[in-house]
């Protein structure tokens, strides 16, 4: 209680929320580039693959800046552990988006199923919701209801992605592709769904911050 009161009274380093927002924006861009990569072919696909990797590098730079700022900050807007955890979860999500692209390239997947594109669209939708929720952390008390509503939508998308993954894997097994293609497609499906899990992790952490400040 004392620390919470002290945090309210003293000047705070506010760049953390801006960094989180920039991180989430990278998630949106990464998801869009991944979808474009899946829909492209030849040189266009290679260009979109490189774009996904470039965005992941930009996100890494934001994560480093957040951690350096956290180390230097005297008073933070949220608990230090929450800032570290939220930055890590955001970065994990973008790392996984790049991993989808890397794994697709590794297995030389030439086509991507409608189910894969559905999962990629779910990732983008979750990321957009997070870009809407995170800036509202500048004024937690005023925006509790809106933030909670946005986070609940992210959680629903994660649940829908779980169901879609089961459907996609069932269809994949029924189609009986070669063992290498099966393995590659299975891994891409599972990675796509895992990105929605990480988005939900981000939403859970945001909701935890609300509990600490209301």
N, C-alpha and C. Protein backbone atom coordinates (compact mmCIF):
# COMPACT_ATOMS: atom_id res chain seq x y z
N UNK A 1 0.82 -1.20 0.00
CA UNK A 1 0.00 0.00 0.00
C UNK A 1 0.86 1.27 0.00
N UNK A 2 1.90 1.26 0.84
CA UNK A 2 2.78 2.43 0.91
C UNK A 2 3.47 2.66 -0.43
N UNK A 3 3.97 1.58 -1.04
CA UNK A 3 4.67 1.72 -2.32
C UNK A 3 3.73 2.20 -3.40
N UNK A 4 2.48 1.75 -3.36
CA UNK A 4 1.51 2.19 -4.36
C UNK A 4 1.26 3.69 -4.21
N UNK A 5 1.12 4.15 -2.97
CA UNK A 5 0.90 5.58 -2.72
C UNK A 5 2.11 6.40 -3.14
N UNK A 6 3.29 5.90 -2.84
CA UNK A 6 4.52 6.60 -3.22
C UNK A 6 4.62 6.72 -4.74
N UNK A 7 4.24 5.66 -5.43
CA UNK A 7 4.32 5.67 -6.89
C UNK A 7 3.38 6.72 -7.48
N UNK A 8 2.24 6.92 -6.84
CA UNK A 8 1.29 7.93 -7.32
C UNK A 8 1.78 9.35 -7.09
N UNK A 9 2.51 9.55 -6.02
CA UNK A 9 2.91 10.89 -5.62
C UNK A 9 4.16 11.40 -6.32
N UNK A 10 5.05 10.49 -6.69
CA UNK A 10 6.34 10.91 -7.23
C UNK A 10 6.35 10.90 -8.76
N UNK A 11 7.21 11.75 -9.37
CA UNK A 11 7.33 11.74 -10.83
C UNK A 11 7.74 10.35 -11.32
N UNK A 12 7.19 9.98 -12.49
CA UNK A 12 7.45 8.63 -12.99
C UNK A 12 8.07 8.69 -14.39
N UNK A 13 8.77 7.62 -14.72
CA UNK A 13 9.27 7.44 -16.08
C UNK A 13 8.13 6.88 -16.92
N UNK A 14 7.62 7.68 -17.86
CA UNK A 14 6.42 7.30 -18.59
C UNK A 14 6.70 6.64 -19.93
N UNK A 15 7.96 6.50 -20.31
CA UNK A 15 8.23 5.99 -21.65
C UNK A 15 7.92 4.51 -21.78
N UNK A 16 7.71 3.83 -20.65
CA UNK A 16 7.45 2.39 -20.72
C UNK A 16 6.18 2.08 -21.48
N UNK A 17 5.12 2.82 -21.22
CA UNK A 17 3.87 2.58 -21.94
C UNK A 17 4.05 2.85 -23.43
N UNK A 18 4.78 3.90 -23.76
CA UNK A 18 5.05 4.19 -25.17
C UNK A 18 5.85 3.06 -25.82
N UNK A 19 6.81 2.50 -25.09
CA UNK A 19 7.57 1.37 -25.61
C UNK A 19 6.69 0.15 -25.82
N UNK A 20 5.80 -0.10 -24.86
CA UNK A 20 4.88 -1.22 -25.02
C UNK A 20 4.00 -1.03 -26.25
N UNK A 21 3.55 0.20 -26.46
CA UNK A 21 2.70 0.49 -27.62
C UNK A 21 3.47 0.28 -28.93
N UNK A 22 4.72 0.71 -28.94
CA UNK A 22 5.56 0.50 -30.13
C UNK A 22 5.80 -0.98 -30.38
N UNK A 23 5.99 -1.73 -29.29
CA UNK A 23 6.19 -3.17 -29.39
C UNK A 23 4.95 -3.83 -30.00
N UNK A 24 3.77 -3.44 -29.51
CA UNK A 24 2.53 -4.01 -30.03
C UNK A 24 2.32 -3.63 -31.49
N UNK A 25 2.73 -2.42 -31.86
CA UNK A 25 2.63 -2.00 -33.27
C UNK A 25 3.50 -2.88 -34.15
N UNK A 26 4.66 -3.29 -33.63
CA UNK A 26 5.51 -4.22 -34.37
C UNK A 26 4.81 -5.56 -34.56
N UNK A 27 4.04 -5.98 -33.56
CA UNK A 27 3.28 -7.22 -33.68
C UNK A 27 2.28 -7.13 -34.83
N UNK A 28 1.59 -6.00 -34.93
CA UNK A 28 0.63 -5.82 -36.03
C UNK A 28 1.36 -5.88 -37.37
N UNK A 29 2.45 -5.13 -37.48
CA UNK A 29 3.21 -5.11 -38.74
C UNK A 29 3.76 -6.49 -39.07
N UNK A 30 4.25 -7.19 -38.04
CA UNK A 30 4.78 -8.53 -38.27
C UNK A 30 3.72 -9.50 -38.73
N UNK A 31 2.54 -9.43 -38.13
CA UNK A 31 1.44 -10.30 -38.54
C UNK A 31 0.99 -10.00 -39.96
N UNK A 32 0.95 -8.72 -40.31
CA UNK A 32 0.56 -8.34 -41.68
C UNK A 32 1.59 -8.82 -42.70
N UNK A 33 2.87 -8.68 -42.36
CA UNK A 33 3.92 -9.13 -43.27
C UNK A 33 3.90 -10.66 -43.41
N UNK A 34 3.61 -11.36 -42.31
CA UNK A 34 3.53 -12.82 -42.36
C UNK A 34 2.39 -13.27 -43.27
N UNK A 35 1.23 -12.63 -43.13
CA UNK A 35 0.10 -12.97 -44.00
C UNK A 35 0.45 -12.70 -45.45
N UNK A 36 1.07 -11.56 -45.71
CA UNK A 36 1.46 -11.23 -47.08
C UNK A 36 2.47 -12.24 -47.62
N UNK A 37 3.39 -12.71 -46.77
CA UNK A 37 4.35 -13.73 -47.18
C UNK A 37 3.64 -15.02 -47.58
N UNK A 38 2.63 -15.40 -46.80
CA UNK A 38 1.89 -16.63 -47.09
C UNK A 38 1.14 -16.53 -48.42
N UNK A 39 0.70 -15.33 -48.75
CA UNK A 39 -0.10 -15.14 -49.95
C UNK A 39 0.74 -14.88 -51.19
N UNK A 40 2.02 -14.60 -51.00
CA UNK A 40 2.90 -14.25 -52.12
C UNK A 40 3.62 -15.49 -52.66
N UNK A 41 4.41 -15.26 -53.68
CA UNK A 41 5.22 -16.34 -54.26
C UNK A 41 6.49 -15.74 -54.84
N UNK A 42 7.49 -16.61 -55.03
CA UNK A 42 8.73 -16.19 -55.66
C UNK A 42 9.42 -15.05 -54.93
N UNK A 43 9.94 -14.07 -55.69
CA UNK A 43 10.67 -12.94 -55.07
C UNK A 43 9.83 -12.15 -54.07
N UNK A 44 8.53 -12.05 -54.35
CA UNK A 44 7.66 -11.31 -53.42
C UNK A 44 7.60 -11.98 -52.06
N UNK A 45 7.56 -13.31 -52.08
CA UNK A 45 7.56 -14.03 -50.80
C UNK A 45 8.87 -13.82 -50.07
N UNK A 46 9.98 -13.87 -50.80
CA UNK A 46 11.29 -13.65 -50.18
C UNK A 46 11.36 -12.26 -49.55
N UNK A 47 10.80 -11.27 -50.24
CA UNK A 47 10.82 -9.90 -49.72
C UNK A 47 10.00 -9.79 -48.44
N UNK A 48 8.86 -10.45 -48.40
CA UNK A 48 8.01 -10.41 -47.20
C UNK A 48 8.66 -11.19 -46.05
N UNK A 49 9.36 -12.25 -46.38
CA UNK A 49 10.09 -12.99 -45.35
C UNK A 49 11.14 -12.07 -44.70
N UNK A 50 11.87 -11.34 -45.52
CA UNK A 50 12.87 -10.41 -44.98
C UNK A 50 12.21 -9.31 -44.17
N UNK A 51 11.03 -8.88 -44.58
CA UNK A 51 10.31 -7.84 -43.84
C UNK A 51 9.94 -8.33 -42.44
N UNK A 52 9.47 -9.59 -42.36
CA UNK A 52 9.15 -10.16 -41.05
C UNK A 52 10.38 -10.15 -40.15
N UNK A 53 11.52 -10.56 -40.70
CA UNK A 53 12.76 -10.60 -39.92
C UNK A 53 13.20 -9.20 -39.50
N UNK A 54 13.04 -8.22 -40.38
CA UNK A 54 13.40 -6.84 -40.05
C UNK A 54 12.54 -6.31 -38.91
N UNK A 55 11.25 -6.60 -38.96
CA UNK A 55 10.34 -6.15 -37.90
C UNK A 55 10.71 -6.80 -36.57
N UNK A 56 11.08 -8.06 -36.60
CA UNK A 56 11.51 -8.74 -35.37
C UNK A 56 12.74 -8.06 -34.79
N UNK A 57 13.66 -7.63 -35.65
CA UNK A 57 14.84 -6.91 -35.18
C UNK A 57 14.49 -5.58 -34.55
N UNK A 58 13.51 -4.88 -35.14
CA UNK A 58 13.05 -3.61 -34.56
C UNK A 58 12.43 -3.84 -33.18
N UNK A 59 11.68 -4.92 -33.05
CA UNK A 59 11.07 -5.24 -31.76
C UNK A 59 12.13 -5.57 -30.71
N UNK A 60 13.16 -6.27 -31.12
CA UNK A 60 14.26 -6.57 -30.19
C UNK A 60 14.90 -5.28 -29.67
N UNK A 61 15.05 -4.30 -30.55
CA UNK A 61 15.63 -3.02 -30.13
C UNK A 61 14.74 -2.32 -29.11
N UNK A 62 13.44 -2.39 -29.31
CA UNK A 62 12.51 -1.80 -28.34
C UNK A 62 12.61 -2.51 -27.00
N UNK A 63 12.71 -3.83 -27.04
CA UNK A 63 12.83 -4.61 -25.79
C UNK A 63 14.11 -4.23 -25.04
N UNK A 64 15.20 -4.08 -25.78
CA UNK A 64 16.47 -3.69 -25.13
C UNK A 64 16.34 -2.31 -24.50
N UNK A 65 15.73 -1.39 -25.23
CA UNK A 65 15.55 -0.03 -24.70
C UNK A 65 14.69 -0.04 -23.44
N UNK A 66 13.67 -0.88 -23.43
CA UNK A 66 12.80 -0.97 -22.25
C UNK A 66 13.58 -1.47 -21.04
N UNK A 67 14.38 -2.50 -21.25
CA UNK A 67 15.13 -3.06 -20.12
C UNK A 67 16.20 -2.10 -19.62
N UNK A 68 16.85 -1.38 -20.54
CA UNK A 68 17.84 -0.37 -20.12
C UNK A 68 17.16 0.74 -19.34
N UNK A 69 16.01 1.20 -19.83
CA UNK A 69 15.27 2.25 -19.13
C UNK A 69 14.80 1.77 -17.77
N UNK A 70 14.40 0.52 -17.69
CA UNK A 70 13.95 -0.04 -16.42
C UNK A 70 15.08 -0.04 -15.40
N UNK A 71 16.27 -0.38 -15.88
CA UNK A 71 17.43 -0.41 -14.99
C UNK A 71 17.77 0.98 -14.47
N UNK A 72 17.56 2.00 -15.30
CA UNK A 72 17.94 3.37 -14.93
C UNK A 72 16.85 4.12 -14.17
N UNK A 73 15.59 3.69 -14.31
CA UNK A 73 14.48 4.45 -13.75
C UNK A 73 14.48 4.41 -12.23
N UNK A 74 14.15 5.55 -11.65
CA UNK A 74 14.04 5.62 -10.18
C UNK A 74 12.64 5.22 -9.72
N UNK A 75 11.62 5.83 -10.33
CA UNK A 75 10.23 5.48 -10.05
C UNK A 75 9.58 5.03 -11.35
N UNK A 76 8.91 3.92 -11.32
CA UNK A 76 8.26 3.37 -12.52
C UNK A 76 6.74 3.44 -12.36
N UNK A 77 6.01 3.52 -13.49
CA UNK A 77 4.55 3.62 -13.40
C UNK A 77 3.89 2.35 -12.88
N UNK A 78 4.57 1.20 -13.07
CA UNK A 78 4.08 -0.09 -12.60
C UNK A 78 5.22 -0.81 -11.89
N UNK A 79 4.91 -1.90 -11.25
CA UNK A 79 5.95 -2.70 -10.63
C UNK A 79 6.99 -3.10 -11.67
N UNK A 80 8.23 -3.11 -11.25
CA UNK A 80 9.31 -3.45 -12.17
C UNK A 80 9.13 -4.85 -12.76
N UNK A 81 8.66 -5.77 -11.94
CA UNK A 81 8.47 -7.13 -12.43
C UNK A 81 7.39 -7.18 -13.51
N UNK A 82 6.37 -6.33 -13.40
CA UNK A 82 5.31 -6.28 -14.42
C UNK A 82 5.85 -5.71 -15.72
N UNK A 83 6.67 -4.67 -15.61
CA UNK A 83 7.25 -4.07 -16.82
C UNK A 83 8.13 -5.08 -17.54
N UNK A 84 8.96 -5.78 -16.78
CA UNK A 84 9.85 -6.78 -17.38
C UNK A 84 9.03 -7.90 -18.03
N UNK A 85 8.02 -8.39 -17.32
CA UNK A 85 7.22 -9.50 -17.83
C UNK A 85 6.45 -9.10 -19.08
N UNK A 86 5.89 -7.88 -19.09
CA UNK A 86 5.11 -7.44 -20.24
C UNK A 86 6.00 -7.24 -21.46
N UNK A 87 7.17 -6.66 -21.26
CA UNK A 87 8.11 -6.49 -22.37
C UNK A 87 8.54 -7.84 -22.93
N UNK A 88 8.80 -8.78 -22.05
CA UNK A 88 9.22 -10.12 -22.48
C UNK A 88 8.12 -10.83 -23.25
N UNK A 89 6.88 -10.74 -22.77
CA UNK A 89 5.77 -11.40 -23.45
C UNK A 89 5.53 -10.82 -24.84
N UNK A 90 5.61 -9.49 -24.95
CA UNK A 90 5.46 -8.85 -26.26
C UNK A 90 6.56 -9.32 -27.21
N UNK A 91 7.79 -9.37 -26.71
CA UNK A 91 8.90 -9.78 -27.55
C UNK A 91 8.79 -11.25 -27.94
N UNK A 92 8.33 -12.07 -27.02
CA UNK A 92 8.14 -13.49 -27.33
C UNK A 92 7.15 -13.67 -28.48
N UNK A 93 6.07 -12.88 -28.46
CA UNK A 93 5.06 -13.00 -29.51
C UNK A 93 5.65 -12.68 -30.88
N UNK A 94 6.46 -11.62 -30.94
CA UNK A 94 7.06 -11.25 -32.23
C UNK A 94 8.13 -12.25 -32.65
N UNK A 95 8.87 -12.77 -31.69
CA UNK A 95 9.84 -13.83 -32.01
C UNK A 95 9.14 -15.02 -32.64
N UNK A 96 7.97 -15.37 -32.12
CA UNK A 96 7.24 -16.52 -32.65
C UNK A 96 6.69 -16.24 -34.05
N UNK A 97 6.29 -14.99 -34.32
CA UNK A 97 5.85 -14.65 -35.67
C UNK A 97 6.99 -14.87 -36.65
N UNK A 98 8.19 -14.43 -36.27
CA UNK A 98 9.34 -14.69 -37.14
C UNK A 98 9.61 -16.18 -37.25
N UNK A 99 9.43 -16.92 -36.15
CA UNK A 99 9.69 -18.35 -36.18
C UNK A 99 8.75 -19.07 -37.15
N UNK A 100 7.52 -18.60 -37.26
CA UNK A 100 6.60 -19.17 -38.26
C UNK A 100 7.20 -19.03 -39.65
N UNK A 101 7.67 -17.82 -39.97
CA UNK A 101 8.26 -17.57 -41.28
C UNK A 101 9.51 -18.43 -41.49
N UNK A 102 10.34 -18.51 -40.46
CA UNK A 102 11.57 -19.30 -40.57
C UNK A 102 11.25 -20.79 -40.78
N UNK A 103 10.26 -21.30 -40.04
CA UNK A 103 9.93 -22.71 -40.16
C UNK A 103 9.31 -23.02 -41.51
N UNK A 104 8.49 -22.11 -42.02
CA UNK A 104 7.91 -22.31 -43.36
C UNK A 104 9.01 -22.36 -44.42
N UNK A 105 10.01 -21.49 -44.26
CA UNK A 105 11.13 -21.49 -45.21
C UNK A 105 11.95 -22.76 -45.07
N UNK A 106 12.17 -23.21 -43.84
CA UNK A 106 12.96 -24.41 -43.60
C UNK A 106 12.34 -25.62 -44.29
N UNK A 107 11.03 -25.75 -44.18
CA UNK A 107 10.34 -26.90 -44.78
C UNK A 107 9.93 -26.64 -46.23
N UNK A 108 10.27 -25.48 -46.74
CA UNK A 108 10.01 -25.12 -48.14
C UNK A 108 8.54 -25.26 -48.49
N UNK A 109 7.71 -24.75 -47.62
CA UNK A 109 6.28 -24.77 -47.89
C UNK A 109 5.96 -23.78 -49.01
N UNK A 110 5.31 -24.25 -50.04
CA UNK A 110 4.99 -23.40 -51.19
C UNK A 110 3.57 -22.87 -51.14
N UNK A 111 2.72 -23.55 -50.39
CA UNK A 111 1.33 -23.11 -50.27
C UNK A 111 0.95 -23.10 -48.79
N UNK A 112 0.00 -22.23 -48.47
CA UNK A 112 -0.47 -22.11 -47.10
C UNK A 112 -1.99 -22.23 -47.11
N UNK A 113 -2.49 -23.08 -46.25
CA UNK A 113 -3.91 -23.41 -46.25
C UNK A 113 -4.76 -22.24 -45.77
N UNK A 114 -6.05 -22.27 -46.10
CA UNK A 114 -6.96 -21.25 -45.55
C UNK A 114 -6.95 -21.22 -44.02
N UNK A 115 -6.75 -22.38 -43.38
CA UNK A 115 -6.69 -22.42 -41.92
C UNK A 115 -5.47 -21.64 -41.41
N UNK A 116 -4.36 -21.75 -42.08
CA UNK A 116 -3.18 -20.99 -41.68
C UNK A 116 -3.43 -19.49 -41.79
N UNK A 117 -4.10 -19.10 -42.88
CA UNK A 117 -4.40 -17.68 -43.06
C UNK A 117 -5.41 -17.20 -42.01
N UNK A 118 -6.33 -18.07 -41.62
CA UNK A 118 -7.26 -17.72 -40.54
C UNK A 118 -6.53 -17.47 -39.24
N UNK A 119 -5.58 -18.36 -38.92
CA UNK A 119 -4.81 -18.18 -37.69
C UNK A 119 -3.97 -16.91 -37.75
N UNK A 120 -3.38 -16.63 -38.91
CA UNK A 120 -2.59 -15.40 -39.05
C UNK A 120 -3.48 -14.18 -38.86
N UNK A 121 -4.71 -14.24 -39.38
CA UNK A 121 -5.64 -13.12 -39.20
C UNK A 121 -6.01 -12.94 -37.73
N UNK A 122 -6.12 -14.05 -37.00
CA UNK A 122 -6.40 -13.98 -35.56
C UNK A 122 -5.25 -13.30 -34.82
N UNK A 123 -4.02 -13.62 -35.23
CA UNK A 123 -2.86 -12.96 -34.63
C UNK A 123 -2.92 -11.46 -34.85
N UNK A 124 -3.20 -11.06 -36.08
CA UNK A 124 -3.26 -9.63 -36.37
C UNK A 124 -4.37 -8.95 -35.57
N UNK A 125 -5.53 -9.61 -35.47
CA UNK A 125 -6.64 -9.02 -34.73
C UNK A 125 -6.28 -8.86 -33.25
N UNK A 126 -5.63 -9.88 -32.68
CA UNK A 126 -5.20 -9.79 -31.28
C UNK A 126 -4.21 -8.65 -31.09
N UNK A 127 -3.27 -8.53 -32.03
CA UNK A 127 -2.25 -7.48 -31.93
C UNK A 127 -2.90 -6.10 -32.02
N UNK A 128 -3.88 -5.94 -32.89
CA UNK A 128 -4.57 -4.65 -33.01
C UNK A 128 -5.29 -4.31 -31.71
N UNK A 129 -5.93 -5.29 -31.09
CA UNK A 129 -6.60 -5.06 -29.81
C UNK A 129 -5.61 -4.61 -28.74
N UNK A 130 -4.42 -5.21 -28.76
CA UNK A 130 -3.40 -4.83 -27.78
C UNK A 130 -2.89 -3.41 -28.05
N UNK A 131 -2.79 -3.03 -29.33
CA UNK A 131 -2.37 -1.65 -29.62
C UNK A 131 -3.42 -0.64 -29.15
N UNK A 132 -4.66 -1.07 -29.06
CA UNK A 132 -5.71 -0.20 -28.54
C UNK A 132 -5.69 -0.14 -27.01
N UNK A 133 -5.37 -1.28 -26.39
CA UNK A 133 -5.40 -1.35 -24.92
C UNK A 133 -4.19 -0.69 -24.27
N UNK A 134 -3.01 -0.91 -24.82
CA UNK A 134 -1.79 -0.50 -24.13
C UNK A 134 -1.69 1.01 -23.89
N UNK A 135 -1.97 1.87 -24.88
CA UNK A 135 -1.86 3.31 -24.60
C UNK A 135 -2.78 3.78 -23.46
N UNK A 136 -3.85 3.06 -23.22
CA UNK A 136 -4.77 3.43 -22.14
C UNK A 136 -4.15 3.24 -20.76
N UNK A 137 -3.02 2.53 -20.70
CA UNK A 137 -2.32 2.36 -19.42
C UNK A 137 -1.73 3.67 -18.92
N UNK A 138 -1.69 4.69 -19.76
CA UNK A 138 -1.25 6.01 -19.29
C UNK A 138 -2.17 6.54 -18.20
N UNK A 139 -3.43 6.10 -18.24
CA UNK A 139 -4.39 6.53 -17.21
C UNK A 139 -5.23 5.32 -16.84
N UNK A 140 -4.66 4.45 -16.03
CA UNK A 140 -5.29 3.16 -15.72
C UNK A 140 -6.66 3.34 -15.10
N UNK A 141 -6.76 4.17 -14.08
CA UNK A 141 -8.02 4.29 -13.34
C UNK A 141 -9.18 4.74 -14.21
N UNK A 142 -8.91 5.60 -15.15
CA UNK A 142 -9.97 6.11 -16.01
C UNK A 142 -10.38 5.10 -17.09
N UNK A 143 -9.49 4.17 -17.41
CA UNK A 143 -9.72 3.30 -18.57
C UNK A 143 -9.89 1.82 -18.23
N UNK A 144 -10.17 1.52 -16.98
CA UNK A 144 -10.24 0.11 -16.55
C UNK A 144 -11.23 -0.69 -17.39
N UNK A 145 -12.45 -0.20 -17.52
CA UNK A 145 -13.48 -0.97 -18.22
C UNK A 145 -13.11 -1.22 -19.68
N UNK A 146 -12.59 -0.19 -20.34
CA UNK A 146 -12.21 -0.34 -21.75
C UNK A 146 -11.06 -1.33 -21.91
N UNK A 147 -10.05 -1.22 -21.05
CA UNK A 147 -8.91 -2.13 -21.14
C UNK A 147 -9.36 -3.57 -20.89
N UNK A 148 -10.19 -3.77 -19.87
CA UNK A 148 -10.68 -5.12 -19.58
C UNK A 148 -11.44 -5.70 -20.77
N UNK A 149 -12.27 -4.87 -21.40
CA UNK A 149 -13.03 -5.34 -22.54
C UNK A 149 -12.14 -5.77 -23.69
N UNK A 150 -11.10 -4.99 -23.95
CA UNK A 150 -10.16 -5.33 -25.03
C UNK A 150 -9.40 -6.61 -24.71
N UNK A 151 -8.97 -6.76 -23.47
CA UNK A 151 -8.23 -7.95 -23.06
C UNK A 151 -9.11 -9.20 -23.14
N UNK A 152 -10.38 -9.05 -22.80
CA UNK A 152 -11.30 -10.18 -22.90
C UNK A 152 -11.46 -10.62 -24.35
N UNK A 153 -11.46 -9.68 -25.27
CA UNK A 153 -11.55 -10.04 -26.69
C UNK A 153 -10.32 -10.82 -27.14
N UNK A 154 -9.15 -10.43 -26.63
CA UNK A 154 -7.92 -11.18 -26.95
C UNK A 154 -8.04 -12.61 -26.43
N UNK A 155 -8.56 -12.77 -25.22
CA UNK A 155 -8.74 -14.10 -24.66
C UNK A 155 -9.69 -14.94 -25.48
N UNK A 156 -10.76 -14.35 -25.99
CA UNK A 156 -11.71 -15.09 -26.82
C UNK A 156 -11.05 -15.54 -28.12
N UNK A 157 -10.24 -14.68 -28.70
CA UNK A 157 -9.54 -15.06 -29.94
C UNK A 157 -8.63 -16.26 -29.67
N UNK A 158 -7.94 -16.26 -28.53
CA UNK A 158 -7.05 -17.38 -28.20
C UNK A 158 -7.85 -18.68 -28.09
N UNK A 159 -9.02 -18.63 -27.48
CA UNK A 159 -9.86 -19.82 -27.36
C UNK A 159 -10.33 -20.29 -28.75
N UNK A 160 -10.70 -19.34 -29.61
CA UNK A 160 -11.10 -19.69 -30.98
C UNK A 160 -9.94 -20.30 -31.74
N UNK A 161 -8.73 -19.79 -31.52
CA UNK A 161 -7.55 -20.33 -32.20
C UNK A 161 -7.26 -21.76 -31.75
N UNK A 162 -7.49 -22.05 -30.47
CA UNK A 162 -7.32 -23.42 -29.99
C UNK A 162 -8.22 -24.37 -30.76
N UNK A 163 -9.48 -23.99 -30.91
CA UNK A 163 -10.43 -24.85 -31.63
C UNK A 163 -10.06 -24.98 -33.10
N UNK A 164 -9.63 -23.87 -33.68
CA UNK A 164 -9.25 -23.90 -35.10
C UNK A 164 -8.03 -24.79 -35.31
N UNK A 165 -7.09 -24.76 -34.37
CA UNK A 165 -5.91 -25.62 -34.48
C UNK A 165 -6.32 -27.09 -34.51
N UNK A 166 -7.21 -27.48 -33.62
CA UNK A 166 -7.65 -28.88 -33.60
C UNK A 166 -8.30 -29.27 -34.93
N UNK A 167 -9.11 -28.39 -35.47
CA UNK A 167 -9.75 -28.65 -36.76
C UNK A 167 -8.70 -28.77 -37.86
N UNK A 168 -7.74 -27.85 -37.86
CA UNK A 168 -6.71 -27.84 -38.90
C UNK A 168 -5.86 -29.11 -38.86
N UNK A 169 -5.49 -29.54 -37.66
CA UNK A 169 -4.67 -30.75 -37.55
C UNK A 169 -5.46 -31.98 -37.96
N UNK A 170 -6.74 -32.01 -37.65
CA UNK A 170 -7.58 -33.13 -38.07
C UNK A 170 -7.66 -33.20 -39.60
N UNK A 171 -7.81 -32.05 -40.23
CA UNK A 171 -7.85 -32.00 -41.70
C UNK A 171 -6.51 -32.39 -42.29
N UNK A 172 -5.43 -31.95 -41.66
CA UNK A 172 -4.09 -32.29 -42.15
C UNK A 172 -3.87 -33.80 -42.12
N UNK A 173 -4.25 -34.44 -41.04
CA UNK A 173 -4.11 -35.89 -40.92
C UNK A 173 -4.95 -36.60 -41.97
N UNK A 174 -6.16 -36.11 -42.19
CA UNK A 174 -7.06 -36.74 -43.17
C UNK A 174 -6.51 -36.64 -44.59
N UNK A 175 -5.81 -35.55 -44.89
CA UNK A 175 -5.27 -35.36 -46.23
C UNK A 175 -4.05 -36.23 -46.51
N UNK A 176 -3.37 -36.69 -45.46
CA UNK A 176 -2.26 -37.61 -45.60
C UNK A 176 -1.11 -37.15 -46.47
N UNK A 177 -0.52 -35.96 -46.20
CA UNK A 177 0.63 -35.53 -47.00
C UNK A 177 1.87 -36.36 -46.66
N UNK A 178 2.96 -36.10 -47.41
CA UNK A 178 4.21 -36.79 -47.12
C UNK A 178 4.68 -36.46 -45.71
N UNK A 179 5.55 -37.29 -45.17
CA UNK A 179 5.96 -37.12 -43.78
C UNK A 179 6.63 -35.77 -43.54
N UNK A 180 7.47 -35.31 -44.47
CA UNK A 180 8.16 -34.03 -44.31
C UNK A 180 7.16 -32.88 -44.38
N UNK A 181 6.27 -32.94 -45.36
CA UNK A 181 5.27 -31.88 -45.49
C UNK A 181 4.35 -31.88 -44.27
N UNK A 182 3.98 -33.07 -43.81
CA UNK A 182 3.11 -33.16 -42.63
C UNK A 182 3.78 -32.49 -41.44
N UNK A 183 5.05 -32.81 -41.22
CA UNK A 183 5.76 -32.24 -40.08
C UNK A 183 5.84 -30.73 -40.19
N UNK A 184 6.17 -30.23 -41.37
CA UNK A 184 6.30 -28.79 -41.57
C UNK A 184 4.98 -28.07 -41.35
N UNK A 185 3.92 -28.59 -41.92
CA UNK A 185 2.62 -27.94 -41.77
C UNK A 185 2.14 -28.01 -40.32
N UNK A 186 2.35 -29.14 -39.69
CA UNK A 186 1.96 -29.28 -38.28
C UNK A 186 2.68 -28.25 -37.41
N UNK A 187 3.98 -28.07 -37.63
CA UNK A 187 4.74 -27.11 -36.82
C UNK A 187 4.27 -25.69 -37.08
N UNK A 188 3.97 -25.35 -38.33
CA UNK A 188 3.49 -24.01 -38.64
C UNK A 188 2.14 -23.75 -37.98
N UNK A 189 1.25 -24.72 -38.08
CA UNK A 189 -0.05 -24.59 -37.40
C UNK A 189 0.14 -24.33 -35.91
N UNK A 190 0.96 -25.15 -35.28
CA UNK A 190 1.14 -25.04 -33.82
C UNK A 190 1.80 -23.73 -33.43
N UNK A 191 2.75 -23.27 -34.23
CA UNK A 191 3.40 -21.99 -33.93
C UNK A 191 2.43 -20.83 -34.06
N UNK A 192 1.60 -20.87 -35.11
CA UNK A 192 0.60 -19.81 -35.29
C UNK A 192 -0.33 -19.73 -34.08
N UNK A 193 -0.78 -20.89 -33.62
CA UNK A 193 -1.66 -20.90 -32.46
C UNK A 193 -0.93 -20.42 -31.21
N UNK A 194 0.35 -20.75 -31.10
CA UNK A 194 1.13 -20.32 -29.94
C UNK A 194 1.27 -18.80 -29.89
N UNK A 195 1.32 -18.16 -31.05
CA UNK A 195 1.38 -16.69 -31.05
C UNK A 195 0.13 -16.12 -30.39
N UNK A 196 -1.03 -16.71 -30.68
CA UNK A 196 -2.26 -16.22 -30.02
C UNK A 196 -2.20 -16.48 -28.52
N UNK A 197 -1.55 -17.56 -28.10
CA UNK A 197 -1.34 -17.79 -26.67
C UNK A 197 -0.52 -16.66 -26.05
N UNK A 198 0.54 -16.25 -26.73
CA UNK A 198 1.39 -15.19 -26.20
C UNK A 198 0.64 -13.85 -26.16
N UNK A 199 -0.18 -13.61 -27.16
CA UNK A 199 -1.01 -12.39 -27.12
C UNK A 199 -1.92 -12.42 -25.90
N UNK A 200 -2.47 -13.59 -25.61
CA UNK A 200 -3.32 -13.73 -24.43
C UNK A 200 -2.50 -13.54 -23.16
N UNK A 201 -1.26 -14.00 -23.17
CA UNK A 201 -0.37 -13.77 -22.02
C UNK A 201 -0.19 -12.27 -21.79
N UNK A 202 0.00 -11.52 -22.88
CA UNK A 202 0.15 -10.06 -22.76
C UNK A 202 -1.12 -9.47 -22.14
N UNK A 203 -2.28 -9.91 -22.63
CA UNK A 203 -3.54 -9.41 -22.10
C UNK A 203 -3.68 -9.74 -20.61
N UNK A 204 -3.27 -10.95 -20.22
CA UNK A 204 -3.35 -11.33 -18.81
C UNK A 204 -2.46 -10.44 -17.95
N UNK A 205 -1.28 -10.12 -18.45
CA UNK A 205 -0.37 -9.25 -17.70
C UNK A 205 -0.95 -7.84 -17.56
N UNK A 206 -1.57 -7.36 -18.62
CA UNK A 206 -2.21 -6.05 -18.55
C UNK A 206 -3.32 -6.06 -17.51
N UNK A 207 -4.10 -7.12 -17.49
CA UNK A 207 -5.18 -7.21 -16.49
C UNK A 207 -4.60 -7.28 -15.07
N UNK A 208 -3.44 -7.92 -14.93
CA UNK A 208 -2.78 -7.96 -13.63
C UNK A 208 -2.35 -6.57 -13.18
N UNK A 209 -1.89 -5.76 -14.11
CA UNK A 209 -1.52 -4.37 -13.79
C UNK A 209 -2.75 -3.60 -13.31
N UNK A 210 -3.88 -3.85 -13.97
CA UNK A 210 -5.11 -3.17 -13.53
C UNK A 210 -5.45 -3.51 -12.10
N UNK A 211 -5.33 -4.78 -11.75
CA UNK A 211 -5.65 -5.20 -10.38
C UNK A 211 -4.76 -4.51 -9.36
N UNK A 212 -3.51 -4.26 -9.73
CA UNK A 212 -2.57 -3.61 -8.82
C UNK A 212 -2.85 -2.12 -8.64
N UNK A 213 -3.59 -1.52 -9.57
CA UNK A 213 -3.72 -0.06 -9.55
C UNK A 213 -5.14 0.43 -9.32
N UNK A 214 -6.05 -0.48 -9.14
CA UNK A 214 -7.45 -0.06 -8.94
C UNK A 214 -7.86 -0.37 -7.51
